[in-house]
Amino acid sequence: MWPTEYREHALKLIKYLVYIRGCIDRTGSQTVLLEVAKIIIQGATSFVAKV
């Protein structure tokens, strides 16, 4: 089992990605802007880098 701090980071990452997925789903058939995609990727990588 992972140490507590890793599990906490993983939980934050999962919550963030689920939130972002919801935002993308709400756009319907519209494309996601490049800047938004960059922010999503940067946010996910910053969570992973902290671990």
N, C-alpha and C. Protein backbone atom coordinates (compact mmCIF):
# COMPACT_ATOMS: atom_id res chain seq x y z
N MET A 1 0.84 -1.18 0.00
CA MET A 1 0.00 0.00 0.00
C MET A 1 0.89 1.25 0.00
N TRP A 2 0.43 2.28 -0.69
CA TRP A 2 1.18 3.53 -0.76
C TRP A 2 1.17 4.26 0.57
N PRO A 3 2.22 5.03 0.84
CA PRO A 3 2.19 5.88 2.03
C PRO A 3 1.04 6.89 1.94
N THR A 4 0.62 7.40 3.07
CA THR A 4 -0.53 8.30 3.13
C THR A 4 -0.38 9.50 2.20
N GLU A 5 0.80 10.11 2.18
CA GLU A 5 0.98 11.32 1.36
C GLU A 5 0.77 11.02 -0.13
N TYR A 6 1.20 9.84 -0.61
CA TYR A 6 0.99 9.48 -2.01
C TYR A 6 -0.49 9.29 -2.30
N ARG A 7 -1.18 8.64 -1.37
CA ARG A 7 -2.62 8.42 -1.56
C ARG A 7 -3.37 9.74 -1.58
N GLU A 8 -2.95 10.69 -0.74
CA GLU A 8 -3.60 12.00 -0.72
C GLU A 8 -3.38 12.73 -2.05
N HIS A 9 -2.16 12.68 -2.57
CA HIS A 9 -1.88 13.31 -3.87
C HIS A 9 -2.67 12.62 -4.98
N ALA A 10 -2.72 11.31 -4.93
CA ALA A 10 -3.47 10.57 -5.95
C ALA A 10 -4.95 10.94 -5.89
N LEU A 11 -5.50 11.07 -4.70
CA LEU A 11 -6.90 11.44 -4.56
C LEU A 11 -7.15 12.84 -5.11
N LYS A 12 -6.25 13.78 -4.83
CA LYS A 12 -6.38 15.14 -5.38
C LYS A 12 -6.33 15.12 -6.90
N LEU A 13 -5.42 14.32 -7.45
CA LEU A 13 -5.30 14.22 -8.90
C LEU A 13 -6.58 13.64 -9.50
N ILE A 14 -7.11 12.60 -8.90
CA ILE A 14 -8.34 11.99 -9.40
C ILE A 14 -9.49 12.98 -9.36
N LYS A 15 -9.63 13.70 -8.24
CA LYS A 15 -10.71 14.69 -8.13
C LYS A 15 -10.55 15.77 -9.20
N TYR A 16 -9.32 16.23 -9.40
CA TYR A 16 -9.06 17.27 -10.40
C TYR A 16 -9.41 16.77 -11.79
N LEU A 17 -8.97 15.57 -12.13
CA LEU A 17 -9.22 15.03 -13.47
C LEU A 17 -10.70 14.76 -13.69
N VAL A 18 -11.41 14.31 -12.67
CA VAL A 18 -12.86 14.10 -12.79
C VAL A 18 -13.56 15.44 -13.02
N TYR A 19 -13.12 16.47 -12.30
CA TYR A 19 -13.70 17.81 -12.48
C TYR A 19 -13.45 18.30 -13.92
N ILE A 20 -12.23 18.15 -14.39
CA ILE A 20 -11.89 18.58 -15.75
C ILE A 20 -12.68 17.79 -16.77
N ARG A 21 -12.83 16.49 -16.54
CA ARG A 21 -13.62 15.66 -17.46
C ARG A 21 -15.06 16.18 -17.54
N GLY A 22 -15.62 16.56 -16.41
CA GLY A 22 -16.96 17.14 -16.39
C GLY A 22 -17.03 18.43 -17.19
N CYS A 23 -16.01 19.27 -17.04
CA CYS A 23 -15.97 20.52 -17.81
C CYS A 23 -15.93 20.24 -19.30
N ILE A 24 -15.12 19.28 -19.70
CA ILE A 24 -15.02 18.92 -21.12
C ILE A 24 -16.33 18.34 -21.60
N ASP A 25 -16.95 17.47 -20.81
CA ASP A 25 -18.22 16.87 -21.20
C ASP A 25 -19.31 17.92 -21.39
N ARG A 26 -19.28 18.97 -20.57
CA ARG A 26 -20.30 20.02 -20.66
C ARG A 26 -20.16 20.87 -21.91
N THR A 27 -19.01 20.80 -22.58
CA THR A 27 -18.85 21.59 -23.80
C THR A 27 -19.65 21.00 -24.95
N GLY A 28 -20.15 19.79 -24.77
CA GLY A 28 -20.94 19.15 -25.84
C GLY A 28 -20.06 18.81 -27.01
N SER A 29 -20.49 19.20 -28.20
CA SER A 29 -19.75 18.85 -29.40
C SER A 29 -18.70 19.91 -29.75
N GLN A 30 -18.58 20.94 -28.92
CA GLN A 30 -17.57 21.97 -29.16
C GLN A 30 -16.19 21.41 -28.85
N THR A 31 -15.20 21.91 -29.54
CA THR A 31 -13.83 21.47 -29.26
C THR A 31 -13.30 22.22 -28.03
N VAL A 32 -12.33 21.61 -27.39
CA VAL A 32 -11.69 22.24 -26.23
C VAL A 32 -10.57 23.13 -26.76
N LEU A 33 -10.52 24.36 -26.29
CA LEU A 33 -9.50 25.29 -26.74
C LEU A 33 -8.10 24.81 -26.36
N LEU A 34 -7.13 25.15 -27.17
CA LEU A 34 -5.75 24.74 -26.93
C LEU A 34 -5.25 25.23 -25.57
N GLU A 35 -5.55 26.47 -25.23
CA GLU A 35 -5.11 27.01 -23.94
C GLU A 35 -5.72 26.24 -22.77
N VAL A 36 -6.97 25.84 -22.90
CA VAL A 36 -7.62 25.06 -21.85
C VAL A 36 -6.94 23.70 -21.72
N ALA A 37 -6.63 23.08 -22.85
CA ALA A 37 -5.95 21.78 -22.83
C ALA A 37 -4.58 21.91 -22.17
N LYS A 38 -3.87 23.00 -22.45
CA LYS A 38 -2.56 23.21 -21.82
C LYS A 38 -2.70 23.34 -20.30
N ILE A 39 -3.72 24.06 -19.85
CA ILE A 39 -3.95 24.23 -18.42
C ILE A 39 -4.25 22.89 -17.77
N ILE A 40 -5.06 22.08 -18.44
CA ILE A 40 -5.40 20.75 -17.92
C ILE A 40 -4.14 19.90 -17.76
N ILE A 41 -3.33 19.88 -18.79
CA ILE A 41 -2.10 19.08 -18.76
C ILE A 41 -1.15 19.60 -17.69
N GLN A 42 -0.99 20.92 -17.60
CA GLN A 42 -0.10 21.50 -16.60
C GLN A 42 -0.58 21.18 -15.18
N GLY A 43 -1.87 21.27 -14.96
CA GLY A 43 -2.41 20.96 -13.64
C GLY A 43 -2.18 19.51 -13.25
N ALA A 44 -2.41 18.61 -14.19
CA ALA A 44 -2.20 17.18 -13.92
C ALA A 44 -0.73 16.88 -13.66
N THR A 45 0.14 17.45 -14.48
CA THR A 45 1.57 17.16 -14.29
C THR A 45 2.11 17.78 -13.00
N SER A 46 1.57 18.93 -12.59
CA SER A 46 2.05 19.52 -11.34
C SER A 46 1.67 18.65 -10.14
N PHE A 47 0.48 18.04 -10.18
CA PHE A 47 0.10 17.13 -9.10
C PHE A 47 1.02 15.91 -9.08
N VAL A 48 1.30 15.36 -10.26
CA VAL A 48 2.16 14.17 -10.33
C VAL A 48 3.58 14.52 -9.89
N ALA A 49 4.07 15.68 -10.29
CA ALA A 49 5.44 16.08 -9.95
C ALA A 49 5.64 16.26 -8.45
N LYS A 50 4.58 16.59 -7.73
CA LYS A 50 4.68 16.77 -6.29
C LYS A 50 4.91 15.45 -5.57
N VAL A 51 4.56 14.36 -6.21
CA VAL A 51 4.72 13.04 -5.60
C VAL A 51 6.10 12.58 -5.85
